[in-house]
Amino acid sequence: MFRKRSYSVIVVGIFLAMTLALLFFGSRLFTDIGEEAHITQENRIVVGVSQLGSESGWRTANTESVQNAFTQQHGYFLIFNNARQKQENQLKAIRSFISQRVDYIIFSPVVETGWETVLQEAKQAGIPVILMDRNVDVEDQSLYVTCVGSNFVEEGEKAGHWLEGELVRQRKSAQPVNIVILTGTEGSSSQIGRSAGFATVAARHANWNILEEKCAEFTSTKGKEVMKGFLRRYPNIDVVVSQNDDMTFGAIEAVRESGRTVGVDGDIMILSFDAVRGALNMVADGTINVDIECNPNQGEYLLKVIDMLEAGETVEKKYYVEEDVFTIENVTQELLQERTY
């Protein structure tokens, strides 16, 4: 009994000694790490980014562009939030950024309306707000500093102008043309702009018959569902205008399953937007007739804007990224290999 008790006392003593050592050195370790993180963060520009979601390949590329821009090497500390397509999540994220006293707030709004209150809170806190990809509809334009993104109205016009030229080339410009349109998230800048731009061109052609426009939420699954409905209701569709590539992928599946063909030599012409690599492959093989580029690589533009603001320079209210129009004639293997998204 004596030997067992002595052994237990020794074990307990060793355990207590180890515990005290861990508490002492551990507390110093955590303090050092905390202080280092705090100091490192103070030496960087802190940027809070609220991304609207991850609904498409384009959005994933857009996120990667931002994350690659605001790095430690560039002197930034990035706080990133995915709103998962819900405005209430973005409102919470922006208020969180305000409470954390970030230096800048960047967000891509799910829809254009409903931002006045939270943007006023950011302004009162003295935190500049930069819009990414999409715009907001507010009376007080001073609630945000600038917007970096695409000219969505121009994108819609580009699609309309391409269709004009193609119908002339096919000697069908005077014939009736039946069109269906798959739109993106209702109330989003891209949906509003692309719809308006294409409608402007279509209004000049009395023979362009827009059978129906319907929201397919920028997703492949919904695109297929909506296209199936179009095919059931309208047996003589000539043109599909799909406001992003993911919806286009779903729409093409639906057309093929119906027994009809698409593309350059097909029954139905396909006009798409975004120009991600997967879609450009389909442009190259003639499945998609035309793809209007929407450039997701906006991180470098945002980085330049904040660098300008940090230097005390005046920035413009809007910066448009460079974009192109792709058809079978200009999609090369070199382009496909270089495409990062």
Protein backbone atom coordinates (compact mmCIF):
# COMPACT_ATOMS: atom_id res chain seq x y z
CA MET A 1 0.00 0.00 0.00
CA PHE A 2 2.81 2.38 0.89
CA ARG A 3 4.59 1.88 -2.44
CA LYS A 4 1.39 2.39 -4.45
CA ARG A 5 0.56 5.58 -2.57
CA SER A 6 4.09 6.94 -3.08
CA TYR A 7 3.78 6.24 -6.80
CA SER A 8 0.43 8.05 -6.93
CA VAL A 9 1.89 11.07 -5.15
CA ILE A 10 4.78 11.22 -7.61
CA VAL A 11 2.39 11.01 -10.59
CA VAL A 12 0.17 13.75 -9.20
CA GLY A 13 3.20 15.92 -8.55
CA ILE A 14 4.46 15.52 -12.10
CA PHE A 15 0.97 16.27 -13.48
CA LEU A 16 0.70 19.47 -11.41
CA ALA A 17 4.16 20.60 -12.50
CA MET A 18 3.33 20.02 -16.18
CA THR A 19 0.02 21.85 -15.81
CA LEU A 20 1.68 24.89 -14.24
CA ALA A 21 4.34 24.93 -16.96
CA LEU A 22 1.72 24.69 -19.67
CA LEU A 23 -0.33 27.49 -18.15
CA PHE A 24 2.73 29.73 -17.86
CA PHE A 25 4.33 29.11 -21.23
CA GLY A 26 0.99 28.57 -22.97
CA SER A 27 -0.31 31.93 -21.81
CA ARG A 28 2.85 33.58 -23.11
CA LEU A 29 2.52 31.70 -26.41
CA PHE A 30 -1.11 32.76 -26.96
CA THR A 31 -0.28 36.32 -25.93
CA ASP A 32 2.57 36.45 -28.41
CA ILE A 33 0.42 35.05 -31.22
CA GLY A 34 -2.42 37.46 -30.40
CA GLU A 35 -0.09 40.43 -30.24
CA GLU A 36 1.60 39.45 -33.49
CA ALA A 37 -1.77 39.05 -35.26
CA HIS A 38 -2.95 42.37 -33.85
CA ILE A 39 0.23 44.16 -34.89
CA THR A 40 0.21 42.52 -38.34
CA GLN A 41 -3.42 43.49 -38.89
CA GLU A 42 -2.75 47.08 -37.79
CA ASN A 43 0.03 47.35 -40.35
CA ARG A 44 -2.29 46.28 -43.15
CA ILE A 45 -5.31 47.83 -44.83
CA VAL A 46 -8.34 45.90 -43.60
CA VAL A 47 -10.97 45.19 -46.27
CA GLY A 48 -14.34 43.55 -45.63
CA VAL A 49 -15.83 41.87 -48.69
CA SER A 50 -19.39 40.55 -48.94
CA GLN A 51 -19.75 38.31 -51.97
CA LEU A 52 -23.35 37.72 -52.99
CA GLY A 53 -22.92 33.95 -53.38
CA SER A 54 -21.33 31.11 -55.32
CA GLU A 55 -24.10 30.39 -57.79
CA SER A 56 -21.91 29.96 -60.87
CA GLY A 57 -18.45 29.34 -62.25
CA TRP A 58 -18.26 33.04 -63.01
CA ARG A 59 -18.92 33.94 -59.37
CA THR A 60 -16.25 31.51 -58.21
CA ALA A 61 -13.73 33.16 -60.53
CA ASN A 62 -14.79 36.59 -59.29
CA THR A 63 -14.20 35.51 -55.69
CA GLU A 64 -10.77 34.09 -56.52
CA SER A 65 -9.84 37.34 -58.23
CA VAL A 66 -10.67 39.33 -55.10
CA GLN A 67 -8.91 36.92 -52.77
CA ASN A 68 -5.79 36.95 -54.95
CA ALA A 69 -5.74 40.76 -54.96
CA PHE A 70 -6.15 41.53 -51.26
CA THR A 71 -3.26 39.49 -49.87
CA GLN A 72 -0.69 40.00 -47.14
CA GLN A 73 1.94 40.49 -49.84
CA HIS A 74 -0.05 43.45 -51.18
CA GLY A 75 -0.41 44.90 -47.69
CA TYR A 76 -4.02 43.89 -47.00
CA PHE A 77 -6.01 41.95 -44.42
CA LEU A 78 -9.13 40.47 -46.01
CA ILE A 79 -12.34 39.60 -44.16
CA PHE A 80 -14.50 37.62 -46.59
CA ASN A 81 -18.19 36.71 -46.36
CA ASN A 82 -20.40 34.62 -48.67
CA ALA A 83 -24.01 35.86 -48.51
CA ARG A 84 -25.42 32.75 -50.25
CA GLN A 85 -27.76 34.78 -52.44
CA LYS A 86 -29.58 36.42 -49.52
CA GLN A 87 -29.71 40.16 -49.01
CA GLU A 88 -30.28 39.79 -45.27
CA ASN A 89 -26.95 37.95 -45.03
CA GLN A 90 -25.21 40.81 -46.79
CA LEU A 91 -26.78 43.37 -44.49
CA LYS A 92 -25.52 41.41 -41.48
CA ALA A 93 -22.05 41.12 -43.01
CA ILE A 94 -21.79 44.84 -43.75
CA ARG A 95 -22.89 45.74 -40.22
CA SER A 96 -20.31 43.29 -38.90
CA PHE A 97 -17.63 45.02 -40.99
CA ILE A 98 -18.74 48.36 -39.56
CA SER A 99 -18.52 47.07 -35.99
CA GLN A 100 -15.04 45.71 -36.71
CA ARG A 101 -13.97 49.14 -37.98
CA VAL A 102 -12.57 47.88 -41.27
CA ASP A 103 -10.86 50.41 -43.53
CA TYR A 104 -12.96 49.64 -46.63
CA ILE A 105 -16.14 47.71 -47.42
CA ILE A 106 -16.58 46.01 -50.80
CA PHE A 107 -19.74 44.16 -51.73
CA SER A 108 -21.55 42.76 -54.74
CA PRO A 109 -25.26 43.46 -54.09
CA VAL A 110 -27.73 40.63 -54.63
CA VAL A 111 -30.33 43.16 -55.82
CA GLU A 112 -30.18 46.90 -56.41
CA THR A 113 -32.67 48.15 -53.81
CA GLY A 114 -32.82 48.18 -50.01
CA TRP A 115 -29.34 49.44 -49.15
CA GLU A 116 -29.86 53.04 -48.02
CA THR A 117 -29.93 52.42 -44.27
CA VAL A 118 -26.86 50.20 -44.01
CA LEU A 119 -24.85 52.38 -46.39
CA GLN A 120 -25.77 55.41 -44.30
CA GLU A 121 -24.43 53.56 -41.26
CA ALA A 122 -21.15 52.91 -43.07
CA LYS A 123 -20.91 56.56 -44.11
CA GLN A 124 -21.51 57.74 -40.54
CA ALA A 125 -18.75 55.38 -39.40
CA GLY A 126 -16.41 56.96 -41.95
CA ILE A 127 -15.88 53.71 -43.89
CA PRO A 128 -15.73 54.06 -47.71
CA VAL A 129 -17.92 51.58 -49.60
CA ILE A 130 -17.00 50.22 -53.02
CA LEU A 131 -19.48 48.30 -55.17
CA MET A 132 -18.24 45.25 -57.04
CA ASP A 133 -19.80 43.76 -60.18
CA ARG A 134 -23.30 45.15 -59.56
CA ASN A 135 -24.82 48.50 -58.71
CA VAL A 136 -27.28 49.82 -56.12
CA ASP A 137 -30.31 52.05 -56.58
CA VAL A 138 -29.97 54.86 -54.02
CA GLU A 139 -30.90 58.54 -54.17
CA ASP A 140 -27.77 59.64 -52.32
CA GLN A 141 -24.86 58.73 -54.58
CA SER A 142 -22.38 59.71 -51.87
CA LEU A 143 -23.27 56.54 -49.95
CA TYR A 144 -20.68 54.69 -52.01
CA VAL A 145 -17.37 55.84 -53.45
CA THR A 146 -17.27 53.98 -56.76
CA CYS A 147 -18.41 50.85 -58.58
CA VAL A 148 -16.13 48.41 -60.38
CA GLY A 149 -17.87 46.07 -62.79
CA SER A 150 -19.41 45.46 -66.18
CA ASN A 151 -21.56 47.63 -68.41
CA PHE A 152 -24.56 45.31 -68.38
CA VAL A 153 -26.69 47.47 -70.69
CA GLU A 154 -23.90 47.41 -73.25
CA GLU A 155 -23.64 43.64 -72.87
CA GLY A 156 -27.34 43.28 -73.72
CA GLU A 157 -26.90 45.58 -76.70
CA LYS A 158 -23.94 43.52 -77.92
CA ALA A 159 -26.14 40.41 -77.95
CA GLY A 160 -28.82 42.27 -79.91
CA HIS A 161 -26.33 43.67 -82.42
CA TRP A 162 -24.82 40.22 -82.97
CA LEU A 163 -28.28 38.78 -83.69
CA GLU A 164 -28.98 41.60 -86.16
CA GLY A 165 -25.82 40.84 -88.07
CA GLU A 166 -26.31 37.08 -88.02
CA LEU A 167 -29.85 37.33 -89.37
CA VAL A 168 -28.57 39.53 -92.19
CA ARG A 169 -25.79 37.02 -92.91
CA GLN A 170 -28.35 34.20 -93.08
CA ARG A 171 -30.68 36.37 -95.19
CA LYS A 172 -33.39 36.05 -92.56
CA SER A 173 -33.54 39.67 -91.37
CA ALA A 174 -37.06 40.15 -92.77
CA GLN A 175 -38.46 36.85 -91.48
CA PRO A 176 -40.30 36.42 -88.16
CA VAL A 177 -37.91 35.47 -85.33
CA ASN A 178 -39.27 33.79 -82.19
CA ILE A 179 -37.18 34.52 -79.10
CA VAL A 180 -37.28 33.30 -75.50
CA ILE A 181 -35.18 34.85 -72.75
CA LEU A 182 -33.85 33.24 -69.58
CA THR A 183 -33.18 36.07 -67.14
CA GLY A 184 -31.01 36.11 -64.03
CA THR A 185 -31.94 37.02 -60.47
CA GLU A 186 -34.78 39.53 -60.61
CA GLY A 187 -33.73 43.00 -59.52
CA SER A 188 -30.01 42.35 -59.97
CA SER A 189 -27.95 44.81 -61.99
CA SER A 190 -26.96 42.18 -64.55
CA GLN A 191 -30.56 41.12 -65.13
CA ILE A 192 -31.82 44.68 -65.38
CA GLY A 193 -29.01 45.87 -67.65
CA ARG A 194 -28.88 42.91 -70.02
CA SER A 195 -32.66 42.88 -70.39
CA ALA A 196 -32.76 46.61 -71.10
CA GLY A 197 -29.87 46.52 -73.56
CA PHE A 198 -31.28 43.65 -75.60
CA ALA A 199 -34.79 45.17 -75.51
CA THR A 200 -33.44 48.42 -76.97
CA VAL A 201 -32.14 46.59 -80.04
CA ALA A 202 -35.18 44.29 -80.31
CA ALA A 203 -37.53 47.29 -80.32
CA ARG A 204 -36.10 48.30 -83.70
CA HIS A 205 -37.27 45.04 -85.28
CA ALA A 206 -41.01 44.46 -85.59
CA ASN A 207 -40.37 40.88 -86.73
CA TRP A 208 -38.53 39.96 -83.49
CA ASN A 209 -41.19 38.22 -81.45
CA ILE A 210 -40.18 37.84 -77.80
CA LEU A 211 -42.41 34.97 -76.74
CA GLU A 212 -41.55 35.04 -73.03
CA GLU A 213 -38.95 36.11 -70.47
CA LYS A 214 -38.57 34.11 -67.28
CA CYS A 215 -36.18 34.13 -64.33
CA ALA A 216 -33.88 31.09 -64.10
CA GLU A 217 -31.84 32.40 -61.17
CA PHE A 218 -28.44 32.16 -62.88
CA THR A 219 -28.24 28.38 -62.22
CA SER A 220 -27.99 25.39 -64.56
CA THR A 221 -30.75 23.45 -62.82
CA LYS A 222 -33.24 26.29 -63.05
CA GLY A 223 -32.14 27.05 -66.60
CA LYS A 224 -33.04 23.53 -67.67
CA GLU A 225 -36.38 23.69 -65.85
CA VAL A 226 -37.38 27.03 -67.41
CA MET A 227 -36.26 25.94 -70.88
CA LYS A 228 -38.33 22.78 -70.65
CA GLY A 229 -41.37 24.94 -69.98
CA PHE A 230 -40.57 27.16 -72.96
CA LEU A 231 -40.25 24.14 -75.25
CA ARG A 232 -43.61 22.77 -74.13
CA ARG A 233 -45.38 26.09 -74.68
CA TYR A 234 -43.66 27.27 -77.86
CA PRO A 235 -42.97 24.73 -80.63
CA ASN A 236 -41.24 27.21 -82.94
CA ILE A 237 -38.43 28.81 -80.93
CA ASP A 238 -35.67 30.25 -83.12
CA VAL A 239 -33.45 31.99 -80.56
CA VAL A 240 -32.62 31.49 -76.88
CA VAL A 241 -31.11 34.43 -75.03
CA SER A 242 -29.67 33.18 -71.74
CA GLN A 243 -28.27 35.78 -69.35
CA ASN A 244 -25.44 33.59 -68.04
CA ASP A 245 -23.53 30.47 -69.06
CA ASP A 246 -24.80 28.28 -66.23
CA MET A 247 -28.41 28.79 -67.31
CA THR A 248 -27.26 28.18 -70.89
CA PHE A 249 -25.82 24.78 -69.99
CA GLY A 250 -29.16 23.73 -68.53
CA ALA A 251 -31.12 25.17 -71.46
CA ILE A 252 -28.99 23.27 -73.99
CA GLU A 253 -29.63 20.01 -72.12
CA ALA A 254 -33.37 20.66 -72.27
CA VAL A 255 -33.31 21.42 -76.02
CA ARG A 256 -31.31 18.29 -76.81
CA GLU A 257 -33.59 16.12 -74.68
CA SER A 258 -36.53 17.47 -76.67
CA GLY A 259 -34.96 16.12 -79.87
CA ARG A 260 -33.99 19.50 -81.27
CA THR A 261 -30.51 20.81 -82.02
CA VAL A 262 -28.67 23.99 -81.08
CA GLY A 263 -25.90 26.22 -82.29
CA VAL A 264 -24.30 27.15 -85.59
CA ASP A 265 -25.94 24.37 -87.62
CA GLY A 266 -28.84 23.70 -85.24
CA ASP A 267 -32.54 24.40 -85.01
CA ILE A 268 -32.17 27.02 -82.27
CA MET A 269 -29.57 29.78 -81.93
CA ILE A 270 -28.01 30.19 -78.49
CA LEU A 271 -26.94 33.62 -77.20
CA SER A 272 -25.17 33.47 -73.84
CA PHE A 273 -23.37 35.75 -71.38
CA ASP A 274 -20.23 35.48 -69.20
CA ALA A 275 -17.84 33.52 -71.48
CA VAL A 276 -16.42 31.10 -68.93
CA ARG A 277 -14.03 28.48 -70.33
CA GLY A 278 -16.61 25.69 -70.40
CA ALA A 279 -18.95 27.85 -72.48
CA LEU A 280 -16.15 29.00 -74.79
CA ASN A 281 -15.41 25.35 -75.57
CA MET A 282 -19.03 25.11 -76.69
CA VAL A 283 -18.62 28.26 -78.76
CA ALA A 284 -15.56 26.71 -80.41
CA ASP A 285 -17.47 23.55 -81.39
CA GLY A 286 -20.50 25.52 -82.61
CA THR A 287 -22.91 24.57 -79.80
CA ILE A 288 -23.26 28.18 -78.59
CA ASN A 289 -23.53 30.79 -81.34
CA VAL A 290 -22.24 33.76 -79.38
CA ASP A 291 -21.09 34.46 -75.84
CA ILE A 292 -20.92 38.02 -74.51
CA GLU A 293 -18.05 38.29 -72.06
CA CYS A 294 -18.59 39.45 -68.50
CA ASN A 295 -15.11 39.73 -67.02
CA PRO A 296 -14.91 38.38 -63.42
CA ASN A 297 -11.28 39.42 -62.91
CA GLN A 298 -12.17 42.57 -61.00
CA GLY A 299 -9.80 42.17 -58.05
CA GLU A 300 -6.95 44.03 -59.74
CA TYR A 301 -9.27 46.94 -60.54
CA LEU A 302 -10.49 47.09 -56.93
CA LEU A 303 -6.89 46.99 -55.71
CA LYS A 304 -5.97 49.95 -57.91
CA VAL A 305 -8.99 51.94 -56.69
CA ILE A 306 -8.07 51.48 -53.02
CA ASP A 307 -4.42 52.28 -53.77
CA MET A 308 -5.62 55.53 -55.35
CA LEU A 309 -7.82 56.35 -52.36
CA GLU A 310 -4.94 55.62 -49.98
CA ALA A 311 -2.80 58.04 -51.99
CA GLY A 312 -5.47 60.73 -51.69
CA GLU A 313 -6.32 60.65 -55.39
CA THR A 314 -9.78 61.27 -56.82
CA VAL A 315 -11.53 58.22 -58.26
CA GLU A 316 -14.26 58.05 -60.86
CA LYS A 317 -17.78 56.96 -59.95
CA LYS A 318 -17.68 53.95 -62.27
CA TYR A 319 -14.95 51.72 -63.66
CA TYR A 320 -15.83 49.23 -66.38
CA VAL A 321 -13.70 46.13 -66.93
CA GLU A 322 -12.60 45.17 -70.45
CA GLU A 323 -14.83 42.65 -72.22
CA ASP A 324 -15.21 40.96 -75.62
CA VAL A 325 -17.72 39.11 -77.80
CA PHE A 326 -16.88 35.50 -78.70
CA THR A 327 -18.00 33.44 -81.68
CA ILE A 328 -16.62 30.38 -83.45
CA GLU A 329 -14.46 32.71 -85.53
CA ASN A 330 -12.38 34.13 -82.66
CA VAL A 331 -12.27 31.39 -80.01
CA THR A 332 -8.82 29.87 -80.47
CA GLN A 333 -7.08 27.02 -78.67
CA GLU A 334 -4.62 29.56 -77.30
CA LEU A 335 -7.49 31.54 -75.76
CA LEU A 336 -8.97 28.41 -74.20
CA GLN A 337 -5.62 27.37 -72.72
CA GLU A 338 -5.02 30.82 -71.25
CA ARG A 339 -8.52 31.12 -69.77
CA THR A 340 -8.32 31.07 -65.99
CA TYR A 341 -12.05 30.68 -65.35
